[in-house]
C-alpha atoms as a PDB file:
ATOM      1  CA  UNK A   1      -0.326   0.406  -0.298  1.00  0.00           C
ATOM      2  CA  UNK A   2       1.328   3.384  -0.843  1.00  0.00           C
ATOM      3  CA  UNK A   3       1.869   5.794   2.022  1.00  0.00           C
ATOM      4  CA  UNK A   4      -0.076   9.346   1.647  1.00  0.00           C
ATOM      5  CA  UNK A   5       1.713  11.910   1.649  1.00  0.00           C
ATOM      6  CA  UNK A   6      -0.205  14.764   3.261  1.00  0.00           C
ATOM      7  CA  UNK A   7       0.681  18.944   3.103  1.00  0.00           C
ATOM      8  CA  UNK A   8       2.521  20.768   5.791  1.00  0.00           C
ATOM      9  CA  UNK A   9      -0.119  22.470   8.054  1.00  0.00           C
ATOM     10  CA  UNK A  10       0.124  26.030   8.347  1.00  0.00           C
ATOM     11  CA  UNK A  11       0.662  27.788  11.509  1.00  0.00           C
ATOM     12  CA  UNK A  12      -2.114  29.648  12.396  1.00  0.00           C
ATOM     13  CA  UNK A  13      -0.660  31.754  14.985  1.00  0.00           C
ATOM     14  CA  UNK A  14       2.334  33.200  12.232  1.00  0.00           C
ATOM     15  CA  UNK A  15      -0.956  33.930   9.270  1.00  0.00           C
ATOM     16  CA  UNK A  16      -2.971  35.450  11.875  1.00  0.00           C
ATOM     17  CA  UNK A  17       0.227  37.884  12.848  1.00  0.00           C
ATOM     18  CA  UNK A  18       1.336  38.659   9.118  1.00  0.00           C
ATOM     19  CA  UNK A  19      -2.060  39.461   8.578  1.00  0.00           C
ATOM     20  CA  UNK A  20      -2.226  42.048  12.048  1.00  0.00           C
ATOM     21  CA  UNK A  21       0.840  43.463  10.493  1.00  0.00           C
ATOM     22  CA  UNK A  22      -0.958  45.629   7.269  1.00  0.00           C
ATOM     23  CA  UNK A  23      -1.978  49.483   7.843  1.00  0.00           C
ATOM     24  CA  UNK A  24      -5.124  50.530   5.041  1.00  0.00           C
ATOM     25  CA  UNK A  25      -2.873  54.123   5.231  1.00  0.00           C
ATOM     26  CA  UNK A  26       0.193  52.358   3.402  1.00  0.00           C
ATOM     27  CA  UNK A  27      -0.395  52.030   0.248  1.00  0.00           C
ATOM     28  CA  UNK A  28      -0.127  49.134  -1.733  1.00  0.00           C
ATOM     29  CA  UNK A  29       2.973  48.204  -3.416  1.00  0.00           C
ATOM     30  CA  UNK A  30       6.061  46.637  -2.553  1.00  0.00           C
ATOM     31  CA  UNK A  31       8.649  49.097  -2.367  1.00  0.00           C
ATOM     32  CA  UNK A  32       9.168  52.793  -1.830  1.00  0.00           C
ATOM     33  CA  UNK A  33      11.384  55.843  -1.580  1.00  0.00           C
ATOM     34  CA  UNK A  34      12.730  57.768   1.870  1.00  0.00           C
ATOM     35  CA  UNK A  35      10.196  60.524   1.146  1.00  0.00           C
ATOM     36  CA  UNK A  36       6.886  58.418   0.861  1.00  0.00           C
ATOM     37  CA  UNK A  37       8.174  56.349   4.340  1.00  0.00           C
ATOM     38  CA  UNK A  38       8.745  60.150   5.843  1.00  0.00           C
ATOM     39  CA  UNK A  39       5.801  60.939   4.958  1.00  0.00           C
ATOM     40  CA  UNK A  40       3.429  58.161   6.494  1.00  0.00           C
ATOM     41  CA  UNK A  41       5.538  58.394   9.951  1.00  0.00           C
ATOM     42  CA  UNK A  42       5.315  62.187   9.328  1.00  0.00           C
ATOM     43  CA  UNK A  43       8.981  61.793  10.120  1.00  0.00           C
ATOM     44  CA  UNK A  44      12.058  63.664   7.811  1.00  0.00           C
ATOM     45  CA  UNK A  45      13.429  61.827   5.357  1.00  0.00           C
ATOM     46  CA  UNK A  46      16.728  62.721   7.037  1.00  0.00           C
ATOM     47  CA  UNK A  47      15.106  61.126   9.950  1.00  0.00           C
ATOM     48  CA  UNK A  48      14.166  57.612   7.976  1.00  0.00           C
ATOM     49  CA  UNK A  49      18.134  58.193   6.807  1.00  0.00           C
ATOM     50  CA  UNK A  50      18.543  57.847  10.698  1.00  0.00           C
ATOM     51  CA  UNK A  51      16.557  55.182  11.081  1.00  0.00           C
ATOM     52  CA  UNK A  52      18.139  53.130   8.145  1.00  0.00           C
ATOM     53  CA  UNK A  53      21.662  53.777   9.667  1.00  0.00           C
ATOM     54  CA  UNK A  54      20.681  52.580  12.930  1.00  0.00           C
ATOM     55  CA  UNK A  55      18.736  48.946  11.592  1.00  0.00           C
ATOM     56  CA  UNK A  56      15.330  50.234  12.189  1.00  0.00           C
ATOM     57  CA  UNK A  57      14.471  50.357   8.263  1.00  0.00           C
ATOM     58  CA  UNK A  58      16.207  48.037   6.402  1.00  0.00           C
ATOM     59  CA  UNK A  59      17.287  49.603   2.650  1.00  0.00           C
ATOM     60  CA  UNK A  60      16.761  47.993  -0.703  1.00  0.00           C
ATOM     61  CA  UNK A  61      18.952  49.542  -3.667  1.00  0.00           C
ATOM     62  CA  UNK A  62      17.094  49.563  -7.316  1.00  0.00           C
ATOM     63  CA  UNK A  63      19.100  50.822  -9.864  1.00  0.00           C
ATOM     64  CA  UNK A  64      20.662  53.662  -8.283  1.00  0.00           C
ATOM     65  CA  UNK A  65      18.112  54.126  -5.371  1.00  0.00           C
ATOM     66  CA  UNK A  66      17.159  53.750  -1.894  1.00  0.00           C
ATOM     67  CA  UNK A  67      13.859  51.955  -1.438  1.00  0.00           C
ATOM     68  CA  UNK A  68      12.491  50.224   2.014  1.00  0.00           C
ATOM     69  CA  UNK A  69      10.104  47.156   1.437  1.00  0.00           C
ATOM     70  CA  UNK A  70       6.804  47.224   2.638  1.00  0.00           C
ATOM     71  CA  UNK A  71       7.571  44.100   5.489  1.00  0.00           C
ATOM     72  CA  UNK A  72      10.275  46.522   6.926  1.00  0.00           C
ATOM     73  CA  UNK A  73       7.886  49.706   7.047  1.00  0.00           C
ATOM     74  CA  UNK A  74       5.414  47.494   8.631  1.00  0.00           C
ATOM     75  CA  UNK A  75       7.672  45.957  10.662  1.00  0.00           C
ATOM     76  CA  UNK A  76       8.896  48.977  12.126  1.00  0.00           C
ATOM     77  CA  UNK A  77       5.520  50.324  12.851  1.00  0.00           C
ATOM     78  CA  UNK A  78       4.001  47.830  14.705  1.00  0.00           C
ATOM     79  CA  UNK A  79       7.761  47.514  17.022  1.00  0.00           C
ATOM     80  CA  UNK A  80       6.585  50.320  18.209  1.00  0.00           C
ATOM     81  CA  UNK A  81      10.085  52.354  16.056  1.00  0.00           C
ATOM     82  CA  UNK A  82       7.398  55.373  14.755  1.00  0.00           C
ATOM     83  CA  UNK A  83       6.390  56.390  18.332  1.00  0.00           C
ATOM     84  CA  UNK A  84       9.570  55.836  20.112  1.00  0.00           C
ATOM     85  CA  UNK A  85      12.381  56.232  17.435  1.00  0.00           C
ATOM     86  CA  UNK A  86      14.908  55.762  20.891  1.00  0.00           C
ATOM     87  CA  UNK A  87      14.315  52.186  21.662  1.00  0.00           C
END
């Protein structure tokens, strides 16, 4: 008799956590310019560059320009960086 192959079950906690990490105020696109991220957090462009330098946001270089992923923005937002950047 052949063994039955089953798909691994998805972790419900991981899915629900991912669903919670969304913000309707953030446009539905994958990469953002520094000025767009600054506007979203209501801070200056320089502040976003400092957050990148300190590792609070992850940057990606796209054709010589800096972009910030949606995931990095949401992680920063829900970790509490926006309300207290010194954490």
